[in-house]
Amino acid sequence: MNSISPHLNIMIKACEKASKVIIRDFGEVENLQVAKKGPRDFVTKTDKRVEEILIEEFSKAKKNYSFLTEESGKIENNDKDKVWIIDPIDGTTNFLHGIPHFAISIALKIDNEICSALIHDPIKNEIFFAEKNNGSYFNSHRIRVSSKSDIEDCLFSTDQESLKNIFPSLNMRCSGCSALDLAYVGSGRFDGFFLNKIKLWDIAAGMLIVKEAGGVINDISKYQDDSIDIRAASTSIYSKMMNKLVNF
């Protein structure tokens, strides 16, 4: 692989530090104090602590960069055109139930374009990362999207409502972690992913990983950051998937 940029190096080091908190707390998941944030959305002490660590590490390395995070929202500093986009734990509900399928998701947006991305699954010790025009990688190995062309051979991921009601003919999974869903599209584990009304911090890193792995992402520029309809798939299956999603 080509050498990684200073930005990505900062992201990896910050994730390594934050993941220690996640691994420790996941081992004591039953003792966590949980506050309900919505019918399906929980926030834990771990979410907040991981976000604090990431903000602290990034601020030390690049003190003027701004932030968009799940827990703290927008934090505008002197440099508003360079923004760290952070989801400290994507898949919080899985985490709370002791299901080892969640990830730290970080992207760096410069001049309105995602240029660096990292998704770290601390329990499985899997790191997916990408940089603009430099490819996508899984644990330092180059990855590419799936080459399947028959939609019946493909595996897709979405949320549970779509899974149950709309697409009975597709082979589907509902994993509960959008960041990993996109990383899995990038690495060929999934062939496609689609979801409505998702937030930017859930998908920013995964979008670049899919693109740099040779996949296709829909144009999200018309959406608000907190209500995005995302479509992602391998190049060979994207149009076939979109034909199935006409009314979705």
C-alpha atoms as a PDB file:
ATOM      1  CA  MET A   1       0.000   0.000   0.000  1.00  0.00           C
ATOM      2  CA  ASN A   2       1.020   3.615  -0.473  1.00  0.00           C
ATOM      3  CA  SER A   3       2.133   5.480   2.622  1.00  0.00           C
ATOM      4  CA  ILE A   4      -0.714   6.947   4.642  1.00  0.00           C
ATOM      5  CA  SER A   5      -1.188  10.671   5.121  1.00  0.00           C
ATOM      6  CA  PRO A   6      -0.546  12.540   8.394  1.00  0.00           C
ATOM      7  CA  HIS A   7      -4.312  13.006   8.739  1.00  0.00           C
ATOM      8  CA  LEU A   8      -4.993   9.276   8.544  1.00  0.00           C
ATOM      9  CA  ASN A   9      -2.131   8.579  10.931  1.00  0.00           C
ATOM     10  CA  ILE A  10      -3.761  10.910  13.481  1.00  0.00           C
ATOM     11  CA  MET A  11      -7.095   9.117  13.007  1.00  0.00           C
ATOM     12  CA  ILE A  12      -5.575   5.677  13.556  1.00  0.00           C
ATOM     13  CA  LYS A  13      -3.732   6.720  16.725  1.00  0.00           C
ATOM     14  CA  ALA A  14      -6.837   8.425  18.153  1.00  0.00           C
ATOM     15  CA  CYS A  15      -8.952   5.317  17.407  1.00  0.00           C
ATOM     16  CA  GLU A  16      -6.438   3.047  19.111  1.00  0.00           C
ATOM     17  CA  LYS A  17      -6.671   5.159  22.263  1.00  0.00           C
ATOM     18  CA  ALA A  18     -10.478   5.410  22.216  1.00  0.00           C
ATOM     19  CA  SER A  19     -10.970   1.709  21.466  1.00  0.00           C
ATOM     20  CA  LYS A  20      -9.429   0.767  24.824  1.00  0.00           C
ATOM     21  CA  VAL A  21     -12.382   2.449  26.551  1.00  0.00           C
ATOM     22  CA  ILE A  22     -14.876   0.638  24.312  1.00  0.00           C
ATOM     23  CA  ILE A  23     -13.293  -2.781  24.869  1.00  0.00           C
ATOM     24  CA  ARG A  24     -13.186  -2.249  28.628  1.00  0.00           C
ATOM     25  CA  ASP A  25     -16.783  -1.039  28.860  1.00  0.00           C
ATOM     26  CA  PHE A  26     -18.099  -3.692  26.506  1.00  0.00           C
ATOM     27  CA  GLY A  27     -16.781  -6.251  28.972  1.00  0.00           C
ATOM     28  CA  GLU A  28     -18.915  -4.618  31.661  1.00  0.00           C
ATOM     29  CA  VAL A  29     -21.872  -3.767  29.456  1.00  0.00           C
ATOM     30  CA  GLU A  30     -24.466  -4.851  32.020  1.00  0.00           C
ATOM     31  CA  ASN A  31     -23.198  -2.277  34.520  1.00  0.00           C
ATOM     32  CA  LEU A  32     -23.355   0.718  32.193  1.00  0.00           C
ATOM     33  CA  GLN A  33     -25.666   3.582  33.054  1.00  0.00           C
ATOM     34  CA  VAL A  34     -27.914   4.092  30.073  1.00  0.00           C
ATOM     35  CA  ALA A  35     -29.987   7.137  29.188  1.00  0.00           C
ATOM     36  CA  LYS A  36     -32.668   6.829  26.540  1.00  0.00           C
ATOM     37  CA  LYS A  37     -32.305   9.293  23.680  1.00  0.00           C
ATOM     38  CA  GLY A  38     -35.176   8.045  21.515  1.00  0.00           C
ATOM     39  CA  PRO A  39     -37.198   4.931  20.830  1.00  0.00           C
ATOM     40  CA  ARG A  40     -34.284   3.156  19.131  1.00  0.00           C
ATOM     41  CA  ASP A  41     -31.406   5.410  19.975  1.00  0.00           C
ATOM     42  CA  PHE A  42     -29.426   5.141  23.178  1.00  0.00           C
ATOM     43  CA  VAL A  43     -26.491   7.041  24.518  1.00  0.00           C
ATOM     44  CA  THR A  44     -24.070   5.621  27.048  1.00  0.00           C
ATOM     45  CA  LYS A  45     -21.230   6.947  29.103  1.00  0.00           C
ATOM     46  CA  THR A  46     -18.979   5.106  26.681  1.00  0.00           C
ATOM     47  CA  ASP A  47     -20.277   7.073  23.664  1.00  0.00           C
ATOM     48  CA  LYS A  48     -19.535  10.341  25.430  1.00  0.00           C
ATOM     49  CA  ARG A  49     -16.119   9.292  26.723  1.00  0.00           C
ATOM     50  CA  VAL A  50     -15.008   7.979  23.324  1.00  0.00           C
ATOM     51  CA  GLU A  51     -16.131  11.196  21.647  1.00  0.00           C
ATOM     52  CA  GLU A  52     -14.262  13.250  24.264  1.00  0.00           C
ATOM     53  CA  ILE A  53     -11.058  11.293  23.624  1.00  0.00           C
ATOM     54  CA  LEU A  54     -11.336  11.697  19.849  1.00  0.00           C
ATOM     55  CA  ILE A  55     -12.047  15.433  20.060  1.00  0.00           C
ATOM     56  CA  GLU A  56      -9.162  15.865  22.488  1.00  0.00           C
ATOM     57  CA  GLU A  57      -6.703  13.946  20.293  1.00  0.00           C
ATOM     58  CA  PHE A  58      -7.735  15.722  17.086  1.00  0.00           C
ATOM     59  CA  SER A  59      -7.660  19.119  18.783  1.00  0.00           C
ATOM     60  CA  LYS A  60      -4.114  18.500  19.980  1.00  0.00           C
ATOM     61  CA  ALA A  61      -2.981  17.531  16.494  1.00  0.00           C
ATOM     62  CA  LYS A  62      -4.989  20.133  14.504  1.00  0.00           C
ATOM     63  CA  LYS A  63      -6.203  22.756  16.935  1.00  0.00           C
ATOM     64  CA  ASN A  64      -8.127  24.898  14.419  1.00  0.00           C
ATOM     65  CA  TYR A  65     -10.168  22.157  12.734  1.00  0.00           C
ATOM     66  CA  SER A  66     -13.920  22.022  13.367  1.00  0.00           C
ATOM     67  CA  PHE A  67     -16.128  19.058  14.328  1.00  0.00           C
ATOM     68  CA  LEU A  68     -19.461  17.468  13.502  1.00  0.00           C
ATOM     69  CA  THR A  69     -20.231  14.735  16.028  1.00  0.00           C
ATOM     70  CA  GLU A  70     -23.147  12.581  17.079  1.00  0.00           C
ATOM     71  CA  GLU A  71     -23.176  13.651  20.728  1.00  0.00           C
ATOM     72  CA  SER A  72     -21.891  17.250  20.590  1.00  0.00           C
ATOM     73  CA  GLY A  73     -23.224  18.369  17.197  1.00  0.00           C
ATOM     74  CA  LYS A  74     -21.306  21.144  15.430  1.00  0.00           C
ATOM     75  CA  ILE A  75     -18.193  22.591  17.049  1.00  0.00           C
ATOM     76  CA  GLU A  76     -16.912  25.456  14.914  1.00  0.00           C
ATOM     77  CA  ASN A  77     -13.300  26.500  15.325  1.00  0.00           C
ATOM     78  CA  ASN A  78     -11.165  28.903  13.294  1.00  0.00           C
ATOM     79  CA  ASP A  79     -10.894  26.565  10.322  1.00  0.00           C
ATOM     80  CA  LYS A  80     -14.493  25.896   9.293  1.00  0.00           C
ATOM     81  CA  ASP A  81     -13.531  24.256   5.979  1.00  0.00           C
ATOM     82  CA  LYS A  82     -11.757  21.348   7.682  1.00  0.00           C
ATOM     83  CA  VAL A  83     -14.204  19.240   9.690  1.00  0.00           C
ATOM     84  CA  TRP A  84     -13.747  15.998  11.629  1.00  0.00           C
ATOM     85  CA  ILE A  85     -16.992  13.984  11.362  1.00  0.00           C
ATOM     86  CA  ILE A  86     -17.283  11.559  14.273  1.00  0.00           C
ATOM     87  CA  ASP A  87     -19.622   8.799  15.350  1.00  0.00           C
ATOM     88  CA  PRO A  88     -18.027   7.469  18.562  1.00  0.00           C
ATOM     89  CA  ILE A  89     -20.010   4.216  18.531  1.00  0.00           C
ATOM     90  CA  ASP A  90     -22.120   3.404  15.501  1.00  0.00           C
ATOM     91  CA  GLY A  91     -24.248   0.467  16.594  1.00  0.00           C
ATOM     92  CA  THR A  92     -24.879   1.584  20.181  1.00  0.00           C
ATOM     93  CA  THR A  93     -27.903  -0.706  20.583  1.00  0.00           C
ATOM     94  CA  ASN A  94     -25.775  -3.721  19.610  1.00  0.00           C
ATOM     95  CA  PHE A  95     -23.176  -2.565  22.140  1.00  0.00           C
ATOM     96  CA  LEU A  96     -25.775  -2.272  24.885  1.00  0.00           C
ATOM     97  CA  HIS A  97     -27.067  -5.785  24.270  1.00  0.00           C
ATOM     98  CA  GLY A  98     -23.625  -7.338  24.262  1.00  0.00           C
ATOM     99  CA  ILE A  99     -23.606  -7.926  20.502  1.00  0.00           C
ATOM    100  CA  PRO A 100     -20.036  -7.453  19.190  1.00  0.00           C
ATOM    101  CA  HIS A 101     -20.955  -5.547  16.046  1.00  0.00           C
ATOM    102  CA  PHE A 102     -20.297  -1.796  16.272  1.00  0.00           C
ATOM    103  CA  ALA A 103     -17.587   0.620  15.221  1.00  0.00           C
ATOM    104  CA  ILE A 104     -15.910   3.979  15.613  1.00  0.00           C
ATOM    105  CA  SER A 105     -16.495   5.984  12.427  1.00  0.00           C
ATOM    106  CA  ILE A 106     -14.363   9.029  11.539  1.00  0.00           C
ATOM    107  CA  ALA A 107     -14.119  11.096   8.369  1.00  0.00           C
ATOM    108  CA  LEU A 108     -12.271  14.300   7.544  1.00  0.00           C
ATOM    109  CA  LYS A 109     -14.071  16.726   5.261  1.00  0.00           C
ATOM    110  CA  ILE A 110     -11.951  19.428   3.607  1.00  0.00           C
ATOM    111  CA  ASP A 111     -13.587  22.098   1.447  1.00  0.00           C
ATOM    112  CA  ASN A 112     -16.855  20.147   1.484  1.00  0.00           C
ATOM    113  CA  GLU A 113     -15.317  16.883   0.296  1.00  0.00           C
ATOM    114  CA  ILE A 114     -14.519  13.756   2.313  1.00  0.00           C
ATOM    115  CA  CYS A 115     -10.792  13.141   1.874  1.00  0.00           C
ATOM    116  CA  SER A 116      -9.921  10.662   4.655  1.00  0.00           C
ATOM    117  CA  ALA A 117     -12.007   7.957   6.324  1.00  0.00           C
ATOM    118  CA  LEU A 118     -11.618   5.299   8.973  1.00  0.00           C
ATOM    119  CA  ILE A 119     -14.002   2.698  10.427  1.00  0.00           C
ATOM    120  CA  HIS A 120     -12.637   0.696  13.351  1.00  0.00           C
ATOM    121  CA  ASP A 121     -14.334  -2.394  14.751  1.00  0.00           C
ATOM    122  CA  PRO A 122     -12.512  -2.723  18.080  1.00  0.00           C
ATOM    123  CA  ILE A 123     -13.922  -6.101  19.124  1.00  0.00           C
ATOM    124  CA  LYS A 124     -13.004  -7.895  15.881  1.00  0.00           C
ATOM    125  CA  ASN A 125      -9.845  -5.770  15.554  1.00  0.00           C
ATOM    126  CA  GLU A 126     -10.756  -4.780  12.002  1.00  0.00           C
ATOM    127  CA  ILE A 127      -9.837  -1.409  10.516  1.00  0.00           C
ATOM    128  CA  PHE A 128     -11.200  -0.152   7.203  1.00  0.00           C
ATOM    129  CA  PHE A 129      -9.748   3.071   5.839  1.00  0.00           C
ATOM    130  CA  ALA A 130      -9.525   5.132   2.680  1.00  0.00           C
ATOM    131  CA  GLU A 131      -8.094   8.345   1.308  1.00  0.00           C
ATOM    132  CA  LYS A 132      -9.273  10.216  -1.731  1.00  0.00           C
ATOM    133  CA  ASN A 133      -7.558   8.936  -4.883  1.00  0.00           C
ATOM    134  CA  ASN A 134      -5.496   6.463  -2.849  1.00  0.00           C
ATOM    135  CA  GLY A 135      -7.761   3.405  -2.584  1.00  0.00           C
ATOM    136  CA  SER A 136      -9.500   1.572   0.257  1.00  0.00           C
ATOM    137  CA  TYR A 137      -7.889  -0.830   2.680  1.00  0.00           C
ATOM    138  CA  PHE A 138      -8.791  -3.445   5.269  1.00  0.00           C
ATOM    139  CA  ASN A 139      -6.082  -4.011   7.904  1.00  0.00           C
ATOM    140  CA  SER A 140      -3.514  -2.649   5.384  1.00  0.00           C
ATOM    141  CA  HIS A 141      -4.668  -4.847   2.453  1.00  0.00           C
ATOM    142  CA  ARG A 142      -6.259  -3.227  -0.606  1.00  0.00           C
ATOM    143  CA  ILE A 143      -9.964  -3.994  -0.970  1.00  0.00           C
ATOM    144  CA  ARG A 144     -12.415  -3.903  -3.860  1.00  0.00           C
ATOM    145  CA  VAL A 145     -16.184  -4.127  -4.063  1.00  0.00           C
ATOM    146  CA  SER A 146     -17.863  -7.373  -5.077  1.00  0.00           C
ATOM    147  CA  SER A 147     -17.818  -8.406  -8.737  1.00  0.00           C
ATOM    148  CA  LYS A 148     -21.103 -10.344  -8.645  1.00  0.00           C
ATOM    149  CA  SER A 149     -23.485  -9.421 -11.459  1.00  0.00           C
ATOM    150  CA  ASP A 150     -26.547 -11.563 -10.679  1.00  0.00           C
ATOM    151  CA  ILE A 151     -28.724  -9.811  -8.107  1.00  0.00           C
ATOM    152  CA  GLU A 152     -30.038 -13.146  -6.838  1.00  0.00           C
ATOM    153  CA  ASP A 153     -26.505 -14.051  -5.725  1.00  0.00           C
ATOM    154  CA  CYS A 154     -26.086 -10.772  -3.832  1.00  0.00           C
ATOM    155  CA  LEU A 155     -26.416  -9.880  -0.168  1.00  0.00           C
ATOM    156  CA  PHE A 156     -27.807  -6.468   0.828  1.00  0.00           C
ATOM    157  CA  SER A 157     -28.166  -4.608   4.102  1.00  0.00           C
ATOM    158  CA  THR A 158     -30.766  -2.081   5.240  1.00  0.00           C
ATOM    159  CA  ASP A 159     -32.893  -1.326   8.302  1.00  0.00           C
ATOM    160  CA  GLN A 160     -35.462  -3.723   9.736  1.00  0.00           C
ATOM    161  CA  GLU A 161     -38.601  -2.021   8.380  1.00  0.00           C
ATOM    162  CA  SER A 162     -37.328  -2.187   4.818  1.00  0.00           C
ATOM    163  CA  LEU A 163     -36.160  -5.721   5.417  1.00  0.00           C
ATOM    164  CA  LYS A 164     -39.581  -6.956   6.494  1.00  0.00           C
ATOM    165  CA  ASN A 165     -41.986  -5.056   4.307  1.00  0.00           C
ATOM    166  CA  ILE A 166     -40.555  -3.912   1.013  1.00  0.00           C
ATOM    167  CA  PHE A 167     -37.924  -6.248  -0.397  1.00  0.00           C
ATOM    168  CA  PRO A 168     -38.974  -9.868   0.152  1.00  0.00           C
ATOM    169  CA  SER A 169     -37.191 -10.942  -3.026  1.00  0.00           C
ATOM    170  CA  LEU A 170     -33.726  -9.705  -1.995  1.00  0.00           C
ATOM    171  CA  ASN A 171     -31.302 -11.586   0.223  1.00  0.00           C
ATOM    172  CA  MET A 172     -31.108  -9.173   3.155  1.00  0.00           C
ATOM    173  CA  ARG A 173     -29.386  -8.550   6.466  1.00  0.00           C
ATOM    174  CA  CYS A 174     -30.062  -5.980   9.173  1.00  0.00           C
ATOM    175  CA  SER A 175     -26.823  -5.574  11.119  1.00  0.00           C
ATOM    176  CA  GLY A 176     -27.565  -2.509  13.223  1.00  0.00           C
ATOM    177  CA  CYS A 177     -24.343  -0.712  12.233  1.00  0.00           C
ATOM    178  CA  SER A 178     -24.446   1.413   9.079  1.00  0.00           C
ATOM    179  CA  ALA A 179     -20.741   2.250   9.210  1.00  0.00           C
ATOM    180  CA  LEU A 180     -19.805  -1.430   9.037  1.00  0.00           C
ATOM    181  CA  ASP A 181     -22.493  -2.055   6.404  1.00  0.00           C
ATOM    182  CA  LEU A 182     -20.713   0.410   4.116  1.00  0.00           C
ATOM    183  CA  ALA A 183     -17.280  -0.931   5.016  1.00  0.00           C
ATOM    184  CA  TYR A 184     -18.560  -4.402   4.121  1.00  0.00           C
ATOM    185  CA  VAL A 185     -19.791  -3.128   0.742  1.00  0.00           C
ATOM    186  CA  GLY A 186     -16.314  -1.718   0.167  1.00  0.00           C
ATOM    187  CA  SER A 187     -14.670  -5.012   1.045  1.00  0.00           C
ATOM    188  CA  GLY A 188     -17.107  -7.190  -0.922  1.00  0.00           C
ATOM    189  CA  ARG A 189     -18.805  -8.817   2.085  1.00  0.00           C
ATOM    190  CA  PHE A 190     -22.051  -7.057   1.159  1.00  0.00           C
ATOM    191  CA  ASP A 191     -23.015  -6.192  -2.409  1.00  0.00           C
ATOM    192  CA  GLY A 192     -25.192  -3.197  -1.553  1.00  0.00           C
ATOM    193  CA  PHE A 193     -26.585  -1.028   1.233  1.00  0.00           C
ATOM    194  CA  PHE A 194     -29.548   1.349   1.268  1.00  0.00           C
ATOM    195  CA  LEU A 195     -31.254   3.303   4.017  1.00  0.00           C
ATOM    196  CA  ASN A 196     -33.423   6.404   4.315  1.00  0.00           C
ATOM    197  CA  LYS A 197     -33.158   9.315   6.739  1.00  0.00           C
ATOM    198  CA  ILE A 198     -29.717   8.497   8.071  1.00  0.00           C
ATOM    199  CA  LYS A 199     -27.270  11.007   9.563  1.00  0.00           C
ATOM    200  CA  LEU A 200     -24.019  12.130   7.960  1.00  0.00           C
ATOM    201  CA  TRP A 201     -21.809  10.933  10.822  1.00  0.00           C
ATOM    202  CA  ASP A 202     -23.137   7.380  10.310  1.00  0.00           C
ATOM    203  CA  ILE A 203     -22.081   7.209   6.664  1.00  0.00           C
ATOM    204  CA  ALA A 204     -19.374   9.824   5.921  1.00  0.00           C
ATOM    205  CA  ALA A 205     -16.428   7.461   6.384  1.00  0.00           C
ATOM    206  CA  GLY A 206     -18.147   4.507   4.725  1.00  0.00           C
ATOM    207  CA  MET A 207     -19.024   6.505   1.625  1.00  0.00           C
ATOM    208  CA  LEU A 208     -15.372   7.205   0.845  1.00  0.00           C
ATOM    209  CA  ILE A 209     -14.400   3.593   1.557  1.00  0.00           C
ATOM    210  CA  VAL A 210     -17.014   2.380  -0.958  1.00  0.00           C
ATOM    211  CA  LYS A 211     -15.980   4.915  -3.602  1.00  0.00           C
ATOM    212  CA  GLU A 212     -12.261   4.227  -3.266  1.00  0.00           C
ATOM    213  CA  ALA A 213     -12.959   0.484  -3.436  1.00  0.00           C
ATOM    214  CA  GLY A 214     -14.544   1.009  -6.861  1.00  0.00           C
ATOM    215  CA  GLY A 215     -18.176   1.158  -5.773  1.00  0.00           C
ATOM    216  CA  VAL A 216     -20.960   3.641  -6.460  1.00  0.00           C
ATOM    217  CA  ILE A 217     -22.645   6.056  -4.035  1.00  0.00           C
ATOM    218  CA  ASN A 218     -25.635   8.230  -4.834  1.00  0.00           C
ATOM    219  CA  ASP A 219     -25.335  12.037  -4.746  1.00  0.00           C
ATOM    220  CA  ILE A 220     -26.267  13.113  -1.209  1.00  0.00           C
ATOM    221  CA  SER A 221     -25.760  16.859  -1.750  1.00  0.00           C
ATOM    222  CA  LYS A 222     -29.513  17.569  -1.876  1.00  0.00           C
ATOM    223  CA  TYR A 223     -30.083  16.164   1.631  1.00  0.00           C
ATOM    224  CA  GLN A 224     -29.744  17.731   5.074  1.00  0.00           C
ATOM    225  CA  ASP A 225     -26.961  16.245   7.212  1.00  0.00           C
ATOM    226  CA  ASP A 226     -29.468  14.671   9.593  1.00  0.00           C
ATOM    227  CA  SER A 227     -31.777  13.079   6.991  1.00  0.00           C
ATOM    228  CA  ILE A 228     -29.897  11.433   4.116  1.00  0.00           C
ATOM    229  CA  ASP A 229     -31.150   8.692   1.799  1.00  0.00           C
ATOM    230  CA  ILE A 230     -28.070   6.589   1.090  1.00  0.00           C
ATOM    231  CA  ARG A 231     -27.552   4.103  -1.753  1.00  0.00           C
ATOM    232  CA  ALA A 232     -24.283   2.188  -2.108  1.00  0.00           C
ATOM    233  CA  ALA A 233     -23.311  -0.849  -4.148  1.00  0.00           C
ATOM    234  CA  SER A 234     -20.704  -2.422  -6.370  1.00  0.00           C
ATOM    235  CA  THR A 235     -20.539  -1.018  -9.885  1.00  0.00           C
ATOM    236  CA  SER A 236     -21.891  -4.214 -11.415  1.00  0.00           C
ATOM    237  CA  ILE A 237     -24.998  -4.285  -9.219  1.00  0.00           C
ATOM    238  CA  TYR A 238     -25.787  -0.625  -8.477  1.00  0.00           C
ATOM    239  CA  SER A 239     -28.241  -0.024 -11.334  1.00  0.00           C
ATOM    240  CA  LYS A 240     -30.021  -3.341 -10.681  1.00  0.00           C
ATOM    241  CA  MET A 241     -30.348  -2.442  -7.008  1.00  0.00           C
ATOM    242  CA  MET A 242     -31.675   1.029  -7.889  1.00  0.00           C
ATOM    243  CA  ASN A 243     -34.322  -0.530 -10.130  1.00  0.00           C
ATOM    244  CA  LYS A 244     -35.582  -2.410  -7.065  1.00  0.00           C
ATOM    245  CA  LEU A 245     -35.626   0.822  -5.027  1.00  0.00           C
ATOM    246  CA  VAL A 246     -37.826   2.911  -7.318  1.00  0.00           C
ATOM    247  CA  ASN A 247     -40.548   3.292  -4.687  1.00  0.00           C
ATOM    248  CA  PHE A 248     -38.287   3.310  -1.638  1.00  0.00           C
END
